[in-house]
Amino acid sequence: MSYVLGVDVGTTRTTAAACRLEGGRDAEIALVVPSLLQLTDAGTFSVGDVDPGGWLASGFARRIGDAVPFSLGPEVVPAEELTALLVLWVVSEVVARQGEQPRHVAVTHPAGWGPYRRGLLHAALRQVGLPEVTLVPEPLAAAENHAVLARVLPGSTLAVFSLGSHAFSASVVRRTPGRTFELLNHVDAVDHPAGADFDDVLAALVRGRLGKDAFVSAAECEAAKRAFGPAVVVAGAEVTRDEFAEELRPAVDQLVSTFVRAVGADRPEAVLMVGGAVRTPVIGDALSATVDCRVLAEAAPEHSVAKGAAVAARLVVVGPEAEPEPSDTSVLVHTREASLRFPVGEVQKPDDEEFTAPPPRPPVDVPPLELPPPRSKRVTRVLKPTGRRSGSRSD
């Protein structure tokens, strides 16, 4: 059965969602993998492995456009090439599971990216064999995912509160008469606290009970943060929800204050919370107490953007006019209880001439750094999947 694919390359995890072209518009999660690429001694790249004998790269998707590449042993690899290799692996793995190629692929990116960064990623995707990929700003993908389940009238606005493990952003999008979304405002707050900082706060509370030298697993803290009830137990120590909320209050106040400034005088129809860190209960409570509208989140908010990218890929193939409007007006979870325009109907190919040079920067007197030339022919033959032999179908 024909399908399209949406891929969200996050700092910690990469998520892929598939959406069928026949039947309903709901997207389903097809794959979740750590956003890690490792160069092995054999000269191949693997995904998600942590082998002491190799060189590991992480956090590369957010560094697209950075002039300094990643140094992986004998290789010098730009961030966009690593990102494209990871997207290629994800697509190949989904194809191996589905038994057929997707009709179209959409990949998300931060809303603040200009044509230079988008062009770098487009060029890298073409180089690894993915020539026709639609790039979708993350808040527009979140809005498309919401519009599958709830009717959004033309002219109404949605605010997107996005909080992942290492990044926070606030956006406002508007529904257009053509049943797409356009970006009205966006703030990328790179210096704000995020989910990894919340994990550190929880670990510090646990060490306060066990002793400063006690070992506290970062993975255990992350899992506990996502599943907070009245209390959680980490490494044998109990931390109550109220204690955790009190420690997080300054960080949460900063996030909510930035979000309110990004929304401005506009009153959105709803606030969409996306990203794994919004599972932290104090986030939804603080937003609900501050904004005068519904605050909504899915049961798995870390998957919302990938699912919205799949919906966007479906719109590219079938067009928005072919999709019926949902009858429901609110189907997501209310947290009290628990100008870019996306092109649809056609695949817009990037203009290479538009991306020939990065945006101008002020002059800075810095001694030049001599780097060895990167290898330009890394394609599927050097990419092997995690947990599979090199002869598997997803090579």
Foldseek 3Di string as FASTA:
>chain_A
DAWEKFWEQDQFKIWMWIAHLPDAGFIGTQDIATLKWWQAPVRFIEGRDDDPRIFMDTRLQQVQVPPQFDDTPVFTHHSLLSVLQVVLLVQLVSCLVVVHHHPAYEYEHAPPDDPQSVLSNQVSNVLQPRNFYHYHYQVQLLVLLVQSAAPADAFFKEWEWEAAQQWTKIWIWGQHPQRGIATDFMDTDNPAHGNLVLLVLVVVVQCVVVPVPDDWDSVQSLVCQLVADQWDATPNDIDGLVNSLVSCVVRLVVSLVVNDVRCDPDQHQEYEYAYSNCSRLSNLVVNVVPHDHFYFYAPRRPCSSNRSSSSQRSQQVPNPVVDDGDPHHDDGDGSVPSNPIRDGPHGDGDDSVVNPDDDDDDDDDDPDDDDDDGDSNDYDQSYDYPPDDRPDSSD
